[in-house]
Amino acid sequence: MNIDRFRGVCMHAVQYFGKTSRKQLAQEECAELIQALSKDMRGKKHNVEEEIADVLIMIEQLTHIYDNYKIEKYREEKIDRLNKLME
């Protein structure tokens, strides 16, 4: 997938549908991922991969709403912490 196209479509979605709409849809998509993971863990038919894709798309849209500097700062801190846990 072309990353520039991906980001552009996500940015346009925020502009087109509005921030509130994207936040609500992100909540719904996260809930659907939780449900799919629960089914998988119980050994039932699931669509985890599809729901991961939906959540990743929504996360990209959220990065066009919230402060990317803060997001990157927290992501770096948390990945460092995760790495230290595995040392």
N, C-alpha and C. Protein backbone atom coordinates (compact mmCIF):
# COMPACT_ATOMS: atom_id res chain seq x y z
N MET A 1 0.84 -1.18 0.00
CA MET A 1 0.00 0.00 0.00
C MET A 1 0.88 1.24 0.00
N ASN A 2 0.47 2.21 -0.73
CA ASN A 2 1.19 3.48 -0.80
C ASN A 2 0.89 4.28 0.47
N ILE A 3 1.94 4.53 1.27
CA ILE A 3 1.76 5.20 2.56
C ILE A 3 1.27 6.63 2.40
N ASP A 4 1.70 7.32 1.36
CA ASP A 4 1.24 8.70 1.15
C ASP A 4 -0.25 8.73 0.82
N ARG A 5 -0.70 7.77 0.03
CA ARG A 5 -2.14 7.68 -0.29
C ARG A 5 -2.93 7.35 0.97
N PHE A 6 -2.43 6.40 1.75
CA PHE A 6 -3.07 6.00 3.00
C PHE A 6 -3.26 7.21 3.91
N ARG A 7 -2.18 7.95 4.13
CA ARG A 7 -2.24 9.12 5.01
C ARG A 7 -3.16 10.20 4.44
N GLY A 8 -3.09 10.40 3.13
CA GLY A 8 -3.92 11.41 2.49
C GLY A 8 -5.40 11.11 2.60
N VAL A 9 -5.77 9.85 2.37
CA VAL A 9 -7.18 9.46 2.49
C VAL A 9 -7.65 9.62 3.93
N CYS A 10 -6.81 9.23 4.89
CA CYS A 10 -7.18 9.37 6.30
C CYS A 10 -7.34 10.83 6.70
N MET A 11 -6.44 11.68 6.22
CA MET A 11 -6.54 13.12 6.52
C MET A 11 -7.82 13.69 5.91
N HIS A 12 -8.11 13.29 4.68
CA HIS A 12 -9.32 13.77 4.01
C HIS A 12 -10.57 13.30 4.76
N ALA A 13 -10.56 12.08 5.29
CA ALA A 13 -11.71 11.56 6.04
C ALA A 13 -12.00 12.42 7.26
N VAL A 14 -10.95 12.86 7.95
CA VAL A 14 -11.14 13.73 9.13
C VAL A 14 -11.77 15.05 8.69
N GLN A 15 -11.27 15.60 7.61
CA GLN A 15 -11.81 16.86 7.10
C GLN A 15 -13.25 16.69 6.62
N TYR A 16 -13.52 15.60 5.93
CA TYR A 16 -14.82 15.36 5.32
C TYR A 16 -15.90 15.02 6.35
N PHE A 17 -15.58 14.09 7.26
CA PHE A 17 -16.58 13.61 8.22
C PHE A 17 -16.56 14.38 9.54
N GLY A 18 -15.45 15.02 9.85
CA GLY A 18 -15.34 15.78 11.10
C GLY A 18 -14.69 14.98 12.22
N LYS A 19 -14.10 15.70 13.15
CA LYS A 19 -13.36 15.09 14.25
C LYS A 19 -14.23 14.23 15.15
N THR A 20 -15.41 14.72 15.50
CA THR A 20 -16.29 13.97 16.40
C THR A 20 -16.69 12.64 15.80
N SER A 21 -17.03 12.65 14.53
CA SER A 21 -17.40 11.42 13.82
C SER A 21 -16.26 10.41 13.85
N ARG A 22 -15.04 10.88 13.61
CA ARG A 22 -13.88 9.97 13.57
C ARG A 22 -13.58 9.41 14.95
N LYS A 23 -13.75 10.23 16.00
CA LYS A 23 -13.53 9.74 17.36
C LYS A 23 -14.55 8.66 17.72
N GLN A 24 -15.81 8.90 17.37
CA GLN A 24 -16.85 7.90 17.65
C GLN A 24 -16.58 6.61 16.90
N LEU A 25 -16.21 6.71 15.63
CA LEU A 25 -15.94 5.52 14.85
C LEU A 25 -14.72 4.78 15.37
N ALA A 26 -13.72 5.50 15.84
CA ALA A 26 -12.54 4.86 16.43
C ALA A 26 -12.94 4.03 17.65
N GLN A 27 -13.84 4.56 18.47
CA GLN A 27 -14.33 3.80 19.63
C GLN A 27 -15.02 2.52 19.18
N GLU A 28 -15.86 2.63 18.18
CA GLU A 28 -16.60 1.47 17.68
C GLU A 28 -15.64 0.41 17.13
N GLU A 29 -14.66 0.85 16.36
CA GLU A 29 -13.72 -0.09 15.76
C GLU A 29 -12.87 -0.78 16.82
N CYS A 30 -12.47 -0.04 17.86
CA CYS A 30 -11.72 -0.66 18.96
C CYS A 30 -12.57 -1.69 19.70
N ALA A 31 -13.83 -1.39 19.89
CA ALA A 31 -14.74 -2.33 20.54
C ALA A 31 -14.90 -3.60 19.70
N GLU A 32 -14.98 -3.44 18.38
CA GLU A 32 -15.10 -4.60 17.50
C GLU A 32 -13.84 -5.46 17.54
N LEU A 33 -12.67 -4.82 17.67
CA LEU A 33 -11.42 -5.57 17.80
C LEU A 33 -11.40 -6.35 19.11
N ILE A 34 -11.83 -5.72 20.18
CA ILE A 34 -11.90 -6.40 21.47
C ILE A 34 -12.80 -7.63 21.37
N GLN A 35 -13.94 -7.47 20.74
CA GLN A 35 -14.88 -8.59 20.58
C GLN A 35 -14.26 -9.71 19.74
N ALA A 36 -13.59 -9.36 18.66
CA ALA A 36 -12.97 -10.37 17.79
C ALA A 36 -11.86 -11.11 18.54
N LEU A 37 -11.07 -10.39 19.32
CA LEU A 37 -10.01 -11.03 20.11
C LEU A 37 -10.60 -11.98 21.14
N SER A 38 -11.70 -11.58 21.76
CA SER A 38 -12.37 -12.44 22.74
C SER A 38 -12.84 -13.74 22.09
N LYS A 39 -13.41 -13.63 20.89
CA LYS A 39 -13.85 -14.83 20.16
C LYS A 39 -12.65 -15.73 19.87
N ASP A 40 -11.56 -15.14 19.39
CA ASP A 40 -10.36 -15.92 19.09
C ASP A 40 -9.85 -16.65 20.32
N MET A 41 -9.82 -15.96 21.45
CA MET A 41 -9.30 -16.57 22.68
C MET A 41 -10.20 -17.68 23.20
N ARG A 42 -11.46 -17.66 22.80
CA ARG A 42 -12.39 -18.73 23.17
C ARG A 42 -12.44 -19.83 22.11
N GLY A 43 -11.61 -19.69 21.08
CA GLY A 43 -11.55 -20.70 20.04
C GLY A 43 -12.69 -20.62 19.04
N LYS A 44 -13.35 -19.49 18.96
CA LYS A 44 -14.47 -19.32 18.04
C LYS A 44 -14.00 -18.63 16.77
N LYS A 45 -14.82 -18.70 15.73
CA LYS A 45 -14.53 -18.03 14.47
C LYS A 45 -14.42 -16.52 14.73
N HIS A 46 -13.41 -15.91 14.12
CA HIS A 46 -13.15 -14.49 14.39
C HIS A 46 -12.72 -13.78 13.12
N ASN A 47 -12.66 -12.47 13.22
CA ASN A 47 -12.17 -11.63 12.13
C ASN A 47 -11.15 -10.61 12.66
N VAL A 48 -10.23 -11.12 13.48
CA VAL A 48 -9.25 -10.25 14.14
C VAL A 48 -8.45 -9.43 13.13
N GLU A 49 -8.01 -10.06 12.06
CA GLU A 49 -7.18 -9.35 11.09
C GLU A 49 -7.93 -8.17 10.46
N GLU A 50 -9.19 -8.38 10.13
CA GLU A 50 -9.99 -7.29 9.56
C GLU A 50 -10.15 -6.15 10.57
N GLU A 51 -10.39 -6.51 11.81
CA GLU A 51 -10.59 -5.49 12.84
C GLU A 51 -9.30 -4.75 13.14
N ILE A 52 -8.16 -5.43 13.07
CA ILE A 52 -6.87 -4.75 13.23
C ILE A 52 -6.71 -3.71 12.13
N ALA A 53 -7.03 -4.09 10.90
CA ALA A 53 -6.94 -3.14 9.77
C ALA A 53 -7.82 -1.93 10.02
N ASP A 54 -9.05 -2.16 10.48
CA ASP A 54 -9.96 -1.05 10.76
C ASP A 54 -9.39 -0.12 11.83
N VAL A 55 -8.85 -0.70 12.89
CA VAL A 55 -8.30 0.09 14.00
C VAL A 55 -7.07 0.88 13.53
N LEU A 56 -6.22 0.25 12.74
CA LEU A 56 -5.04 0.97 12.23
C LEU A 56 -5.44 2.17 11.37
N ILE A 57 -6.48 2.00 10.58
CA ILE A 57 -6.99 3.12 9.76
C ILE A 57 -7.51 4.23 10.67
N MET A 58 -8.24 3.86 11.70
CA MET A 58 -8.77 4.86 12.62
C MET A 58 -7.66 5.54 13.41
N ILE A 59 -6.63 4.79 13.79
CA ILE A 59 -5.51 5.39 14.52
C ILE A 59 -4.83 6.44 13.64
N GLU A 60 -4.66 6.12 12.37
CA GLU A 60 -4.06 7.11 11.46
C GLU A 60 -4.93 8.37 11.41
N GLN A 61 -6.24 8.19 11.38
CA GLN A 61 -7.13 9.36 11.37
C GLN A 61 -6.99 10.16 12.67
N LEU A 62 -6.86 9.47 13.78
CA LEU A 62 -6.70 10.16 15.06
C LEU A 62 -5.41 10.97 15.11
N THR A 63 -4.38 10.51 14.39
CA THR A 63 -3.12 11.28 14.37
C THR A 63 -3.29 12.61 13.64
N HIS A 64 -4.37 12.75 12.89
CA HIS A 64 -4.65 14.02 12.22
C HIS A 64 -5.55 14.92 13.08
N ILE A 65 -5.89 14.42 14.26
CA ILE A 65 -6.71 15.18 15.20
C ILE A 65 -5.89 15.61 16.42
N TYR A 66 -5.03 14.72 16.89
CA TYR A 66 -4.28 14.95 18.12
C TYR A 66 -2.83 15.34 17.85
N ASP A 67 -2.14 15.75 18.88
CA ASP A 67 -0.77 16.28 18.81
C ASP A 67 0.24 15.15 18.51
N ASN A 68 0.77 15.17 17.30
CA ASN A 68 1.70 14.14 16.87
C ASN A 68 3.01 14.18 17.65
N TYR A 69 3.42 15.34 18.09
CA TYR A 69 4.64 15.44 18.89
C TYR A 69 4.48 14.63 20.17
N LYS A 70 3.34 14.80 20.83
CA LYS A 70 3.08 14.06 22.07
C LYS A 70 2.96 12.56 21.79
N ILE A 71 2.27 12.22 20.71
CA ILE A 71 2.10 10.81 20.35
C ILE A 71 3.47 10.15 20.17
N GLU A 72 4.35 10.79 19.40
CA GLU A 72 5.67 10.22 19.14
C GLU A 72 6.51 10.14 20.41
N LYS A 73 6.39 11.15 21.27
CA LYS A 73 7.13 11.16 22.54
C LYS A 73 6.70 9.98 23.40
N TYR A 74 5.39 9.79 23.55
CA TYR A 74 4.89 8.67 24.35
C TYR A 74 5.23 7.32 23.73
N ARG A 75 5.14 7.26 22.40
CA ARG A 75 5.45 6.00 21.72
C ARG A 75 6.91 5.62 21.95
N GLU A 76 7.80 6.58 21.85
CA GLU A 76 9.22 6.30 22.09
C GLU A 76 9.47 5.86 23.52
N GLU A 77 8.87 6.56 24.49
CA GLU A 77 9.02 6.18 25.90
C GLU A 77 8.52 4.76 26.15
N LYS A 78 7.37 4.44 25.59
CA LYS A 78 6.76 3.14 25.84
C LYS A 78 7.50 2.01 25.13
N ILE A 79 8.04 2.27 23.95
CA ILE A 79 8.80 1.23 23.26
C ILE A 79 10.13 1.00 23.98
N ASP A 80 10.73 2.06 24.54
CA ASP A 80 11.94 1.89 25.35
C ASP A 80 11.66 1.06 26.59
N ARG A 81 10.54 1.32 27.23
CA ARG A 81 10.15 0.56 28.42
C ARG A 81 9.92 -0.90 28.07
N LEU A 82 9.25 -1.16 26.98
CA LEU A 82 9.01 -2.54 26.53
C LEU A 82 10.33 -3.25 26.24
N ASN A 83 11.23 -2.56 25.59
CA ASN A 83 12.53 -3.14 25.27
C ASN A 83 13.29 -3.51 26.55
N LYS A 84 13.24 -2.62 27.54
CA LYS A 84 13.93 -2.88 28.80
C LYS A 84 13.34 -4.09 29.52
N LEU A 85 12.04 -4.27 29.42
CA LEU A 85 11.40 -5.43 30.04
C LEU A 85 11.88 -6.74 29.44
N MET A 86 12.33 -6.70 28.21
CA MET A 86 12.75 -7.91 27.53
C MET A 86 14.25 -8.16 27.63
N GLU A 87 14.99 -7.25 28.23
CA GLU A 87 16.45 -7.42 28.35
C GLU A 87 16.79 -8.42 29.44
